[in-house]
Amino acid sequence: MVAYYFPPMGLSGVQRITKFVKYLPEFGWKPTVLTVEPGGYFAFDPELEKEVQSDDIRIVRTQSLDPTRLFKRKSTVSLPAESSRKWMSSISQAVFIPDNKVGWVRPAVRRALTLHEETPFDIILATVPPYSAALVARKVAKKTGIPFVVDYRDDWLDNPRHEYPTPVHRYMHRALEKKVLLESSAVVSINERICERIKGRLHSYSKGAPSKQVRVLSQGYDQEDLAGKQSITKGGMLTLLYSGVFYDAQTPDFFLRALSRFIGEYPEYAPQIRVMFVGLVPESSKALAESLGLSQYIEYTGYVSHGQAIEYVLGADVLWMTVGEGEGQELISTSKLFEYMGTRKPILGLVPEGAAKDALLMYKASWIVSPGDLQGICQSLEAIYIAWDKGQLPEANAEYVGQIERKNLTGKLSGLLESASAL
């Protein structure tokens, strides 16, 4: 399992691979996770690391020559302002191909080959981004003859959070992905939208030859995360909660402006409204909330462990999430959304047409509004308040929720790995 992002690193990027690793031993696999010695990062979650401490799971950490090495090992780095993040990202994407983790490829390949000599592997799975992980898998596969599978958490060539400064940059990415896709034994993606993009490019890369297995294994939730958890949120008020971070086109600002409008139009509802942010919120958005007079309605917890975040989520009445608008945003279906669904709580989804909206429609217990539609968000808040006040909040589609449980998804991954390793 080639995974740059892995506990003790926190945040959403580590959840999917961690849960696969956790449950694969139940399906007869003994995973070896090849990852990095953590450098500076935005958040760490030691509790999540404990979930994969097992005799059936081996975690091997290597050195890496990437920008995170500039920070002290395991130091928590402040989330930069969005303008600074975009500036640094633009520079990084202009200089490093396929990403700024490319300095991990050589030490990771070297270590993987040593590990294979000690105990041969049956198959390799690389989760991307960073796309450098796919390069590690491909190089190891070429040297050993082991088949490899690529797990796309985000699209590669059409990732809306990736920019190509010149046509040459895009050409180089396309050339790298072409090699990875053509040489892989199978491909997994988190939603149908990304899956269709991959199939289209693979068809082009292979000049119309029969396509290999490309399957959707959606994001999910872990039922064990919910077992025994108690709400740590006080009742008696309508609590709307966001859990996680904001970056790129995902911003709380439209929600905050709509909340201000809602309170202005319905001041009689205001005393019973509470909004919670569990995680990292940009300072600019906190300043906006204060300027809108919302401070008395909002509580910020800061970053908390994954387990504690779930306890906050379980105490909320309605959960909300957002995906930005713009080219490529239809490909995004965040891991947060599916963890929300595991609680069966109603969800306010500020999302464009695309994968996130598709999932919310399947879930059913949702209000769906375009991210920038202030009046639409305001009207949804009114509908939410009325439903909460009457005790008539909508119920989730239990059958759909069962399909996205992490152990069920890992069972499907196991079947795919068995098929791919037999090729």
Protein backbone atom coordinates (compact mmCIF):
# COMPACT_ATOMS: atom_id res chain seq x y z
CA MET A 1 0.00 0.00 0.00
CA VAL A 2 1.85 3.09 -1.24
CA ALA A 3 0.42 6.04 0.67
CA TYR A 4 2.24 9.29 1.32
CA TYR A 5 -0.55 10.57 3.57
CA PHE A 6 -1.02 8.19 6.47
CA PRO A 7 -1.47 8.47 10.25
CA PRO A 8 -0.25 10.03 12.45
CA MET A 9 -1.02 12.67 9.82
CA GLY A 10 -4.64 13.71 10.17
CA LEU A 11 -7.33 15.34 8.01
CA SER A 12 -9.44 13.74 5.32
CA GLY A 13 -6.67 12.55 2.97
CA VAL A 14 -5.66 9.69 5.27
CA GLN A 15 -9.09 8.26 6.10
CA ARG A 16 -9.74 6.11 3.02
CA ILE A 17 -6.44 4.24 2.92
CA THR A 18 -6.35 3.86 6.71
CA LYS A 19 -9.72 2.12 6.76
CA PHE A 20 -8.78 -0.15 3.85
CA VAL A 21 -5.62 -1.14 5.71
CA LYS A 22 -7.59 -1.67 8.93
CA TYR A 23 -10.09 -4.10 7.37
CA LEU A 24 -8.06 -5.92 4.69
CA PRO A 25 -6.72 -8.50 7.22
CA GLU A 26 -10.32 -9.65 7.75
CA PHE A 27 -10.35 -10.62 4.07
CA GLY A 28 -7.11 -12.59 4.20
CA TRP A 29 -4.58 -9.88 3.34
CA LYS A 30 -1.50 -8.76 5.26
CA PRO A 31 -0.87 -5.15 4.22
CA THR A 32 2.49 -3.45 4.27
CA VAL A 33 2.07 0.32 4.21
CA LEU A 34 4.89 2.24 2.58
CA THR A 35 4.72 5.84 3.74
CA VAL A 36 6.95 8.67 4.99
CA GLU A 37 8.44 9.82 8.23
CA PRO A 38 6.04 12.70 8.93
CA GLY A 39 7.45 16.17 8.46
CA GLY A 40 5.51 19.32 9.24
CA TYR A 41 1.79 19.01 8.56
CA PHE A 42 -1.47 20.81 9.29
CA ALA A 43 -2.80 18.25 11.79
CA PHE A 44 -1.87 14.98 13.48
CA ASP A 45 -4.19 12.28 14.85
CA PRO A 46 -2.44 9.65 17.04
CA GLU A 47 -5.80 7.99 17.79
CA LEU A 48 -6.26 7.12 14.12
CA GLU A 49 -2.78 5.62 14.05
CA LYS A 50 -3.79 3.19 16.80
CA GLU A 51 -6.45 1.68 14.50
CA VAL A 52 -3.77 0.20 12.24
CA GLN A 53 -1.43 -1.09 14.92
CA SER A 54 -1.82 -4.83 14.42
CA ASP A 55 0.35 -7.91 13.95
CA ASP A 56 -1.23 -8.29 10.51
CA ILE A 57 -0.25 -4.77 9.42
CA ARG A 58 3.28 -3.58 8.80
CA ILE A 59 3.98 0.16 8.50
CA VAL A 60 7.28 1.16 6.94
CA ARG A 61 8.36 4.80 6.88
CA THR A 62 11.02 6.27 4.62
CA GLN A 63 12.78 9.57 4.21
CA SER A 64 11.61 11.97 1.52
CA LEU A 65 13.11 15.01 -0.19
CA ASP A 66 10.06 17.23 -0.33
CA PRO A 67 9.13 20.70 1.01
CA THR A 68 7.62 19.35 4.24
CA ARG A 69 11.16 18.47 5.32
CA LEU A 70 11.71 22.18 5.84
CA PHE A 71 9.63 21.92 9.01
CA LYS A 72 10.47 20.14 12.21
CA ARG A 73 9.45 16.47 12.26
CA LYS A 74 5.81 16.05 13.29
CA SER A 75 5.44 19.78 13.84
CA THR A 76 1.97 21.24 13.37
CA VAL A 77 1.98 23.86 10.63
CA SER A 78 -0.61 26.63 10.53
CA LEU A 79 -3.05 26.54 7.64
CA PRO A 80 -2.00 29.41 5.34
CA ALA A 81 -4.37 32.10 4.11
CA GLU A 82 -6.06 31.04 0.87
CA SER A 83 -4.23 33.67 -1.15
CA SER A 84 -0.88 32.42 0.17
CA ARG A 85 -1.85 28.78 -0.37
CA LYS A 86 -2.75 29.44 -4.02
CA TRP A 87 0.50 31.34 -4.58
CA MET A 88 2.61 28.55 -3.07
CA SER A 89 0.62 25.92 -4.95
CA SER A 90 1.15 27.70 -8.27
CA ILE A 91 4.90 27.84 -7.73
CA SER A 92 4.99 24.21 -6.63
CA GLN A 93 3.04 23.01 -9.67
CA ALA A 94 5.28 24.98 -11.99
CA VAL A 95 8.47 23.49 -10.52
CA PHE A 96 7.59 19.90 -9.53
CA ILE A 97 6.11 17.23 -11.81
CA PRO A 98 3.87 15.48 -11.03
CA ASP A 99 3.85 17.14 -7.57
CA ASN A 100 6.15 18.32 -4.82
CA LYS A 101 6.33 14.79 -3.36
CA VAL A 102 8.39 13.57 -6.33
CA GLY A 103 11.44 13.59 -4.02
CA TRP A 104 9.85 10.63 -2.23
CA VAL A 105 9.87 8.38 -5.30
CA ARG A 106 13.50 7.21 -5.21
CA PRO A 107 13.74 6.33 -1.49
CA ALA A 108 10.28 4.74 -1.58
CA VAL A 109 11.14 2.54 -4.57
CA ARG A 110 14.44 1.53 -3.02
CA ARG A 111 12.77 0.53 0.25
CA ALA A 112 9.93 -1.30 -1.50
CA LEU A 113 12.39 -3.45 -3.46
CA THR A 114 14.23 -4.36 -0.25
CA LEU A 115 10.95 -5.29 1.44
CA HIS A 116 9.94 -7.44 -1.54
CA GLU A 117 13.19 -9.36 -1.34
CA GLU A 118 12.50 -10.10 2.33
CA THR A 119 8.85 -11.11 1.88
CA PRO A 120 7.46 -11.06 -1.68
CA PHE A 121 4.29 -9.05 -2.26
CA ASP A 122 1.33 -10.31 -4.27
CA ILE A 123 0.15 -6.89 -5.44
CA ILE A 124 0.76 -3.17 -5.01
CA LEU A 125 -1.90 -0.52 -4.43
CA ALA A 126 -1.05 3.18 -4.68
CA THR A 127 -3.48 5.84 -3.51
CA VAL A 128 -3.26 9.24 -5.21
CA PRO A 129 -2.76 12.15 -4.81
CA PRO A 130 0.12 12.72 -4.49
CA TYR A 131 0.52 11.29 -7.98
CA SER A 132 4.12 10.52 -7.12
CA ALA A 133 2.74 7.49 -5.26
CA ALA A 134 1.60 6.05 -8.60
CA LEU A 135 5.12 6.51 -9.96
CA VAL A 136 6.47 4.54 -7.00
CA ALA A 137 4.03 1.69 -7.69
CA ARG A 138 4.81 1.64 -11.41
CA LYS A 139 8.58 1.57 -10.92
CA VAL A 140 8.39 -1.22 -8.34
CA ALA A 141 6.04 -3.20 -10.57
CA LYS A 142 8.40 -2.88 -13.56
CA LYS A 143 11.36 -4.13 -11.54
CA THR A 144 9.52 -7.01 -9.85
CA GLY A 145 6.73 -8.04 -12.21
CA ILE A 146 4.14 -7.52 -9.45
CA PRO A 147 0.79 -6.16 -10.70
CA PHE A 148 -0.30 -2.78 -9.36
CA VAL A 149 -3.59 -0.99 -8.82
CA VAL A 150 -4.13 2.79 -8.59
CA ASP A 151 -6.74 4.31 -6.27
CA TYR A 152 -7.83 7.79 -7.42
CA ARG A 153 -9.12 9.92 -4.55
CA ASP A 154 -8.99 12.86 -6.96
CA ASP A 155 -8.70 12.86 -10.71
CA TRP A 156 -5.22 13.40 -12.12
CA LEU A 157 -5.35 15.28 -15.39
CA ASP A 158 -8.67 17.05 -14.70
CA ASN A 159 -8.21 17.75 -11.00
CA PRO A 160 -9.76 21.22 -10.44
CA ARG A 161 -7.19 21.91 -7.72
CA HIS A 162 -4.31 21.36 -10.10
CA GLU A 163 -3.19 23.91 -12.63
CA TYR A 164 -0.89 23.60 -15.62
CA PRO A 165 1.22 26.75 -16.12
CA THR A 166 1.99 25.81 -19.73
CA PRO A 167 0.84 23.24 -22.32
CA VAL A 168 4.17 21.51 -21.76
CA HIS A 169 3.26 20.89 -18.10
CA ARG A 170 -0.05 19.30 -19.08
CA TYR A 171 1.67 17.20 -21.74
CA MET A 172 4.18 15.88 -19.18
CA HIS A 173 1.41 14.98 -16.73
CA ARG A 174 -0.54 13.27 -19.51
CA ALA A 175 2.52 11.27 -20.51
CA LEU A 176 3.09 10.11 -16.91
CA GLU A 177 -0.55 9.17 -16.37
CA LYS A 178 -0.62 7.32 -19.69
CA LYS A 179 2.24 5.06 -18.56
CA VAL A 180 0.60 4.47 -15.19
CA LEU A 181 -2.84 3.64 -16.59
CA LEU A 182 -1.62 1.44 -19.42
CA GLU A 183 0.68 -0.58 -17.16
CA SER A 184 -1.66 -0.90 -14.17
CA SER A 185 -3.75 -4.02 -13.69
CA ALA A 186 -6.83 -2.15 -12.44
CA VAL A 187 -7.97 1.31 -11.43
CA VAL A 188 -10.27 2.41 -8.61
CA SER A 189 -11.89 5.82 -8.22
CA ILE A 190 -14.15 7.37 -5.58
CA ASN A 191 -17.07 8.28 -7.86
CA GLU A 192 -18.58 7.65 -11.26
CA ARG A 193 -17.67 11.10 -12.58
CA ILE A 194 -13.94 10.50 -12.10
CA CYS A 195 -14.33 6.93 -13.29
CA GLU A 196 -15.79 8.08 -16.62
CA ARG A 197 -12.95 10.58 -17.13
CA ILE A 198 -10.39 7.84 -16.51
CA LYS A 199 -12.14 5.43 -18.87
CA GLY A 200 -12.20 8.10 -21.57
CA ARG A 201 -8.49 8.84 -21.25
CA LEU A 202 -7.61 5.15 -21.02
CA HIS A 203 -9.57 4.51 -24.22
CA SER A 204 -7.55 7.29 -25.87
CA TYR A 205 -4.24 6.08 -24.46
CA SER A 206 -4.86 2.51 -25.61
CA LYS A 207 -6.17 3.65 -29.03
CA GLY A 208 -9.52 2.01 -28.51
CA ALA A 209 -8.23 -1.34 -27.27
CA PRO A 210 -10.45 -3.17 -24.73
CA SER A 211 -10.37 -1.28 -21.46
CA LYS A 212 -9.08 -2.83 -18.23
CA GLN A 213 -11.06 -2.94 -15.02
CA VAL A 214 -11.93 0.56 -13.82
CA ARG A 215 -14.28 0.50 -10.84
CA VAL A 216 -15.92 2.87 -8.41
CA LEU A 217 -15.30 2.29 -4.72
CA SER A 218 -16.90 5.30 -3.10
CA GLN A 219 -15.78 7.14 -0.03
CA GLY A 220 -17.39 5.75 3.10
CA TYR A 221 -17.76 5.69 6.87
CA ASP A 222 -16.61 3.26 9.54
CA GLN A 223 -19.41 1.90 11.71
CA GLU A 224 -16.88 1.17 14.44
CA ASP A 225 -16.13 4.89 14.65
CA LEU A 226 -19.72 5.47 15.71
CA ALA A 227 -20.07 2.58 18.15
CA GLY A 228 -20.10 3.71 21.76
CA LYS A 229 -19.66 7.37 20.91
CA GLN A 230 -21.63 9.88 22.97
CA SER A 231 -22.76 13.31 21.88
CA ILE A 232 -20.74 16.14 23.42
CA THR A 233 -23.03 18.86 22.07
CA LYS A 234 -25.73 20.38 24.27
CA GLY A 235 -29.29 19.95 23.02
CA GLY A 236 -32.23 22.34 23.05
CA MET A 237 -31.07 24.44 20.11
CA LEU A 238 -30.96 23.89 16.37
CA THR A 239 -27.29 23.01 15.87
CA LEU A 240 -25.83 23.19 12.37
CA LEU A 241 -22.34 21.75 12.19
CA TYR A 242 -19.42 21.69 9.76
CA SER A 243 -16.56 19.29 10.40
CA GLY A 244 -13.23 19.57 8.59
CA VAL A 245 -11.20 22.21 6.78
CA PHE A 246 -11.78 24.75 4.03
CA TYR A 247 -9.49 25.39 1.10
CA ASP A 248 -9.50 26.29 -2.57
CA ALA A 249 -13.08 26.87 -3.80
CA GLN A 250 -14.56 25.32 -0.63
CA THR A 251 -15.36 28.28 1.61
CA PRO A 252 -17.80 28.96 4.47
CA ASP A 253 -18.34 32.56 3.34
CA PHE A 254 -21.55 32.01 1.33
CA PHE A 255 -23.05 30.04 4.21
CA LEU A 256 -22.13 32.81 6.65
CA ARG A 257 -23.67 35.53 4.47
CA ALA A 258 -26.83 33.47 4.02
CA LEU A 259 -27.00 32.82 7.78
CA SER A 260 -26.78 36.55 8.40
CA ARG A 261 -29.60 37.16 5.93
CA PHE A 262 -31.70 34.40 7.52
CA ILE A 263 -31.29 35.83 11.03
CA GLY A 264 -32.11 39.29 9.71
CA GLU A 265 -35.32 38.04 8.09
CA TYR A 266 -36.36 35.81 11.01
CA PRO A 267 -34.99 37.39 14.21
CA GLU A 268 -37.50 35.37 16.26
CA TYR A 269 -35.61 32.18 15.30
CA ALA A 270 -32.18 33.55 16.16
CA PRO A 271 -32.10 32.63 19.91
CA GLN A 272 -32.44 28.95 18.98
CA ILE A 273 -29.71 28.88 16.32
CA ARG A 274 -26.19 27.60 16.93
CA VAL A 275 -23.49 26.96 14.33
CA MET A 276 -20.43 24.86 15.11
CA PHE A 277 -17.17 24.61 13.18
CA VAL A 278 -15.20 21.50 14.16
CA GLY A 279 -11.79 21.80 12.51
CA LEU A 280 -9.76 24.49 10.83
CA VAL A 281 -11.47 27.69 9.67
CA PRO A 282 -9.67 30.45 7.73
CA GLU A 283 -9.04 33.57 9.79
CA SER A 284 -10.60 35.65 6.99
CA SER A 285 -13.87 33.72 7.38
CA LYS A 286 -13.83 34.21 11.15
CA ALA A 287 -13.39 37.94 10.53
CA LEU A 288 -16.31 37.89 8.09
CA ALA A 289 -18.53 36.17 10.65
CA GLU A 290 -17.64 38.81 13.22
CA SER A 291 -18.32 41.67 10.78
CA LEU A 292 -21.75 40.14 10.03
CA GLY A 293 -22.61 40.09 13.74
CA LEU A 294 -22.66 36.29 13.92
CA SER A 295 -20.13 35.74 16.69
CA GLN A 296 -22.79 35.04 19.32
CA TYR A 297 -24.21 32.20 17.20
CA ILE A 298 -20.93 30.46 16.32
CA GLU A 299 -18.62 28.13 18.22
CA TYR A 300 -15.17 27.12 16.94
CA THR A 301 -13.56 24.01 18.40
CA GLY A 302 -10.32 24.11 16.41
CA TYR A 303 -8.76 20.88 15.20
CA VAL A 304 -9.76 17.82 17.24
CA SER A 305 -9.07 14.11 16.81
CA HIS A 306 -11.21 12.12 14.40
CA GLY A 307 -12.96 10.36 17.28
CA GLN A 308 -13.81 13.60 19.04
CA ALA A 309 -15.03 15.14 15.78
CA ILE A 310 -17.52 12.28 15.44
CA GLU A 311 -18.84 12.97 18.94
CA TYR A 312 -19.53 16.57 17.93
CA VAL A 313 -21.16 15.41 14.69
CA LEU A 314 -23.45 13.02 16.56
CA GLY A 315 -24.67 15.89 18.71
CA ALA A 316 -25.69 18.12 15.81
CA ASP A 317 -29.18 18.33 14.31
CA VAL A 318 -28.10 19.11 10.76
CA LEU A 319 -24.69 18.78 9.12
CA TRP A 320 -23.59 20.96 6.25
CA MET A 321 -20.85 20.75 3.66
CA THR A 322 -19.80 22.60 0.55
CA VAL A 323 -18.06 22.05 -2.76
CA GLY A 324 -17.03 25.07 -4.78
CA GLU A 325 -18.31 26.11 -8.17
CA GLY A 326 -16.22 26.17 -11.32
CA GLU A 327 -14.60 23.88 -13.85
CA GLY A 328 -13.92 20.41 -12.52
CA GLN A 329 -15.82 20.85 -9.24
CA GLU A 330 -18.36 18.26 -10.43
CA LEU A 331 -15.67 15.62 -9.85
CA ILE A 332 -15.39 16.30 -6.12
CA SER A 333 -17.15 14.11 -3.55
CA THR A 334 -15.47 14.73 -0.23
CA SER A 335 -14.82 12.03 2.37
CA LYS A 336 -16.56 14.32 4.87
CA LEU A 337 -19.88 13.87 3.07
CA PHE A 338 -19.83 10.09 3.43
CA GLU A 339 -18.81 10.21 7.08
CA TYR A 340 -21.76 12.54 7.60
CA MET A 341 -24.00 9.97 5.93
CA GLY A 342 -22.88 7.27 8.34
CA THR A 343 -24.56 9.20 11.16
CA ARG A 344 -27.85 9.30 9.17
CA LYS A 345 -28.18 12.98 10.08
CA PRO A 346 -29.87 15.40 7.64
CA ILE A 347 -27.37 17.25 5.44
CA LEU A 348 -27.40 20.71 3.90
CA GLY A 349 -25.27 20.35 0.77
CA LEU A 350 -23.99 23.51 -0.89
CA VAL A 351 -22.86 21.76 -4.06
CA PRO A 352 -22.93 22.18 -7.84
CA GLU A 353 -24.15 19.59 -10.33
CA GLY A 354 -21.83 16.64 -9.99
CA ALA A 355 -20.66 13.75 -7.83
CA ALA A 356 -21.51 15.30 -4.45
CA LYS A 357 -25.05 16.13 -5.57
CA ASP A 358 -25.46 12.61 -7.00
CA ALA A 359 -24.58 11.14 -3.61
CA LEU A 360 -26.88 13.52 -1.69
CA LEU A 361 -29.79 12.58 -3.94
CA MET A 362 -29.16 8.91 -3.20
CA TYR A 363 -28.94 9.67 0.52
CA LYS A 364 -32.32 11.52 0.41
CA ALA A 365 -32.14 13.27 3.81
CA SER A 366 -30.75 16.44 2.29
CA TRP A 367 -31.31 19.99 1.18
CA ILE A 368 -29.27 20.76 -1.93
CA VAL A 369 -28.39 24.30 -3.00
CA SER A 370 -25.81 25.76 -5.38
CA PRO A 371 -22.82 26.99 -3.33
CA GLY A 372 -23.19 30.68 -4.24
CA ASP A 373 -27.00 30.92 -4.08
CA LEU A 374 -27.44 33.11 -0.99
CA GLN A 375 -31.21 33.28 -1.24
CA GLY A 376 -31.44 29.54 -1.83
CA ILE A 377 -29.30 28.83 1.23
CA CYS A 378 -31.41 31.24 3.27
CA GLN A 379 -34.60 29.48 2.17
CA SER A 380 -33.09 26.11 3.02
CA LEU A 381 -32.22 27.37 6.51
CA GLU A 382 -35.84 28.41 6.93
CA ALA A 383 -37.03 24.96 5.80
CA ILE A 384 -34.54 23.29 8.14
CA TYR A 385 -35.69 25.37 11.11
CA ILE A 386 -39.37 24.62 10.46
CA ALA A 387 -38.71 20.89 10.08
CA TRP A 388 -36.59 20.84 13.26
CA ASP A 389 -39.20 22.83 15.21
CA LYS A 390 -41.92 20.38 14.17
CA GLY A 391 -39.76 17.34 14.83
CA GLN A 392 -39.95 16.38 11.16
CA LEU A 393 -36.34 16.32 9.99
CA PRO A 394 -35.98 13.91 7.02
CA GLU A 395 -34.70 10.33 7.34
CA ALA A 396 -31.78 8.88 5.42
CA ASN A 397 -31.91 6.08 2.85
CA ALA A 398 -30.77 3.20 5.07
CA GLU A 399 -30.03 0.87 2.14
CA TYR A 400 -27.68 3.39 0.55
CA VAL A 401 -25.95 4.08 3.88
CA GLY A 402 -25.28 0.36 4.28
CA GLN A 403 -23.56 0.22 0.90
CA ILE A 404 -20.96 2.84 1.86
CA GLU A 405 -19.80 1.27 5.13
CA ARG A 406 -16.01 0.92 5.15
CA LYS A 407 -15.88 -2.84 5.79
CA ASN A 408 -18.28 -3.49 2.90
CA LEU A 409 -16.16 -1.31 0.62
CA THR A 410 -12.99 -3.11 1.74
CA GLY A 411 -14.59 -6.42 0.84
CA LYS A 412 -15.11 -5.14 -2.70
CA LEU A 413 -11.52 -3.89 -2.81
CA SER A 414 -10.32 -7.32 -1.68
CA GLY A 415 -12.17 -8.96 -4.56
CA LEU A 416 -10.62 -6.54 -7.03
CA LEU A 417 -7.14 -7.12 -5.61
CA GLU A 418 -7.60 -10.90 -5.88
CA SER A 419 -8.64 -10.56 -9.53
CA ALA A 420 -5.78 -8.20 -10.36
CA SER A 421 -3.14 -10.30 -8.59
CA ALA A 422 -4.22 -13.35 -10.61
CA LEU A 423 -3.54 -11.63 -13.95
